[in-house]
């Protein structure tokens, strides 16, 4: 009985980790898309050059 509970607990932990990793991949793809849009749509900076779209 203890072994069955241990296997179920390990399966639950691995399923949770897999779901979290899949969610992190979706977040990473969204951030990459936003970064690419900002990179290609950045405004002109001072002096006529292309400036950075972020402020750091």
N, C-alpha and C. Protein backbone atom coordinates (compact mmCIF):
# COMPACT_ATOMS: atom_id res chain seq x y z
N UNK A 1 0.82 -1.20 0.00
CA UNK A 1 0.00 0.00 0.00
C UNK A 1 0.87 1.26 0.00
N UNK A 2 1.93 1.25 0.79
CA UNK A 2 2.82 2.42 0.86
C UNK A 2 3.51 2.63 -0.49
N UNK A 3 3.91 1.52 -1.13
CA UNK A 3 4.57 1.64 -2.43
C UNK A 3 3.62 2.23 -3.47
N UNK A 4 2.35 1.83 -3.43
CA UNK A 4 1.36 2.38 -4.37
C UNK A 4 1.17 3.88 -4.15
N UNK A 5 1.08 4.29 -2.90
CA UNK A 5 0.95 5.72 -2.59
C UNK A 5 2.20 6.50 -3.02
N UNK A 6 3.35 5.88 -2.84
CA UNK A 6 4.59 6.54 -3.25
C UNK A 6 4.65 6.71 -4.77
N UNK A 7 4.25 5.69 -5.51
CA UNK A 7 4.22 5.79 -6.97
C UNK A 7 3.22 6.84 -7.42
N UNK A 8 2.05 6.89 -6.80
CA UNK A 8 1.05 7.90 -7.15
C UNK A 8 1.56 9.31 -6.83
N UNK A 9 2.25 9.46 -5.71
CA UNK A 9 2.81 10.76 -5.35
C UNK A 9 3.87 11.19 -6.34
N UNK A 10 4.75 10.29 -6.76
CA UNK A 10 5.78 10.62 -7.74
C UNK A 10 5.14 10.99 -9.08
N UNK A 11 4.12 10.23 -9.49
CA UNK A 11 3.43 10.55 -10.74
C UNK A 11 2.78 11.92 -10.67
N UNK A 12 2.19 12.26 -9.55
CA UNK A 12 1.56 13.58 -9.38
C UNK A 12 2.59 14.70 -9.45
N UNK A 13 3.74 14.49 -8.80
CA UNK A 13 4.80 15.50 -8.82
C UNK A 13 5.33 15.69 -10.25
N UNK A 14 5.56 14.57 -10.96
CA UNK A 14 6.07 14.68 -12.33
C UNK A 14 5.05 15.32 -13.25
N UNK A 15 3.77 15.02 -13.06
CA UNK A 15 2.73 15.66 -13.87
C UNK A 15 2.69 17.16 -13.61
N UNK A 16 2.80 17.55 -12.35
CA UNK A 16 2.82 18.98 -12.00
C UNK A 16 4.03 19.68 -12.58
N UNK A 17 5.18 19.02 -12.54
CA UNK A 17 6.40 19.62 -13.10
C UNK A 17 6.27 19.75 -14.62
N UNK A 18 5.70 18.73 -15.25
CA UNK A 18 5.51 18.80 -16.70
C UNK A 18 4.57 19.92 -17.10
N UNK A 19 3.48 20.10 -16.34
CA UNK A 19 2.55 21.18 -16.63
C UNK A 19 3.22 22.53 -16.43
N UNK A 20 4.02 22.67 -15.37
CA UNK A 20 4.71 23.94 -15.10
C UNK A 20 5.70 24.25 -16.22
N UNK A 21 6.43 23.23 -16.68
CA UNK A 21 7.39 23.46 -17.76
C UNK A 21 6.68 23.85 -19.06
N UNK A 22 5.54 23.23 -19.32
CA UNK A 22 4.80 23.58 -20.52
C UNK A 22 4.28 25.02 -20.43
N UNK A 23 3.81 25.41 -19.25
CA UNK A 23 3.35 26.78 -19.05
C UNK A 23 4.51 27.77 -19.22
N UNK A 24 5.70 27.40 -18.73
CA UNK A 24 6.86 28.28 -18.88
C UNK A 24 7.26 28.42 -20.35
N UNK A 25 7.11 27.37 -21.13
CA UNK A 25 7.39 27.48 -22.56
C UNK A 25 6.44 28.46 -23.23
N UNK A 26 5.16 28.41 -22.85
CA UNK A 26 4.19 29.35 -23.43
C UNK A 26 4.54 30.78 -23.03
N UNK A 27 4.92 30.99 -21.77
CA UNK A 27 5.31 32.33 -21.32
C UNK A 27 6.54 32.80 -22.08
N UNK A 28 7.51 31.91 -22.28
CA UNK A 28 8.72 32.28 -23.01
C UNK A 28 8.40 32.65 -24.46
N UNK A 29 7.49 31.93 -25.09
CA UNK A 29 7.12 32.26 -26.47
C UNK A 29 6.41 33.61 -26.56
N UNK A 30 5.56 33.93 -25.59
CA UNK A 30 4.87 35.22 -25.58
C UNK A 30 5.87 36.35 -25.39
N UNK A 31 6.81 36.17 -24.47
CA UNK A 31 7.82 37.20 -24.24
C UNK A 31 8.70 37.38 -25.48
N UNK A 32 9.05 36.28 -26.14
CA UNK A 32 9.84 36.38 -27.36
C UNK A 32 9.08 37.13 -28.45
N UNK A 33 7.79 36.87 -28.58
CA UNK A 33 6.99 37.56 -29.59
C UNK A 33 6.92 39.06 -29.29
N UNK A 34 6.73 39.42 -28.03
CA UNK A 34 6.68 40.84 -27.65
C UNK A 34 8.04 41.50 -27.92
N UNK A 35 9.12 40.79 -27.59
CA UNK A 35 10.45 41.35 -27.82
C UNK A 35 10.70 41.56 -29.32
N UNK A 36 10.30 40.59 -30.14
CA UNK A 36 10.51 40.74 -31.58
C UNK A 36 9.71 41.90 -32.16
N UNK A 37 8.47 42.07 -31.71
CA UNK A 37 7.65 43.19 -32.17
C UNK A 37 8.31 44.50 -31.77
N UNK A 38 8.77 44.59 -30.53
CA UNK A 38 9.45 45.79 -30.08
C UNK A 38 10.75 46.04 -30.80
N UNK A 39 11.46 44.98 -31.14
CA UNK A 39 12.74 45.12 -31.83
C UNK A 39 12.55 45.67 -33.23
N UNK A 40 11.54 45.19 -33.94
CA UNK A 40 11.33 45.63 -35.31
C UNK A 40 10.51 46.91 -35.40
N UNK A 41 9.78 47.28 -34.37
CA UNK A 41 8.93 48.47 -34.42
C UNK A 41 9.46 49.59 -33.54
N UNK A 42 10.74 49.56 -33.25
CA UNK A 42 11.28 50.62 -32.38
C UNK A 42 11.32 51.95 -33.11
N UNK A 43 11.22 53.01 -32.34
CA UNK A 43 11.16 54.34 -32.94
C UNK A 43 12.57 54.89 -33.16
N UNK A 44 12.65 55.96 -33.92
CA UNK A 44 13.94 56.59 -34.18
C UNK A 44 14.41 57.33 -32.94
N UNK A 45 15.69 57.22 -32.69
CA UNK A 45 16.28 57.87 -31.53
C UNK A 45 16.79 59.25 -31.86
N UNK A 46 17.45 59.90 -30.91
CA UNK A 46 18.01 61.24 -31.16
C UNK A 46 19.14 61.18 -32.17
N UNK A 47 19.23 62.20 -33.01
CA UNK A 47 20.28 62.25 -34.02
C UNK A 47 19.94 61.48 -35.28
N UNK A 48 18.70 61.05 -35.42
CA UNK A 48 18.29 60.35 -36.62
C UNK A 48 18.58 58.86 -36.61
N UNK A 49 19.31 58.36 -35.60
CA UNK A 49 19.62 56.93 -35.54
C UNK A 49 18.46 56.14 -34.96
N UNK A 50 18.56 54.85 -35.08
CA UNK A 50 17.50 54.00 -34.51
C UNK A 50 17.83 53.77 -33.04
N UNK A 51 16.92 54.20 -32.17
CA UNK A 51 17.15 54.08 -30.74
C UNK A 51 16.66 52.76 -30.18
N UNK A 52 16.92 52.55 -28.93
CA UNK A 52 16.45 51.34 -28.27
C UNK A 52 15.00 51.52 -27.87
N UNK A 53 14.21 50.44 -27.93
CA UNK A 53 12.80 50.53 -27.57
C UNK A 53 12.58 50.30 -26.09
N UNK A 54 13.63 49.89 -25.39
CA UNK A 54 13.53 49.70 -23.95
C UNK A 54 14.38 50.76 -23.26
N UNK A 55 14.20 50.93 -21.96
CA UNK A 55 14.88 51.98 -21.22
C UNK A 55 15.70 51.38 -20.10
N UNK A 56 16.86 50.74 -20.42
CA UNK A 56 17.78 50.30 -19.40
C UNK A 56 19.16 50.22 -19.88
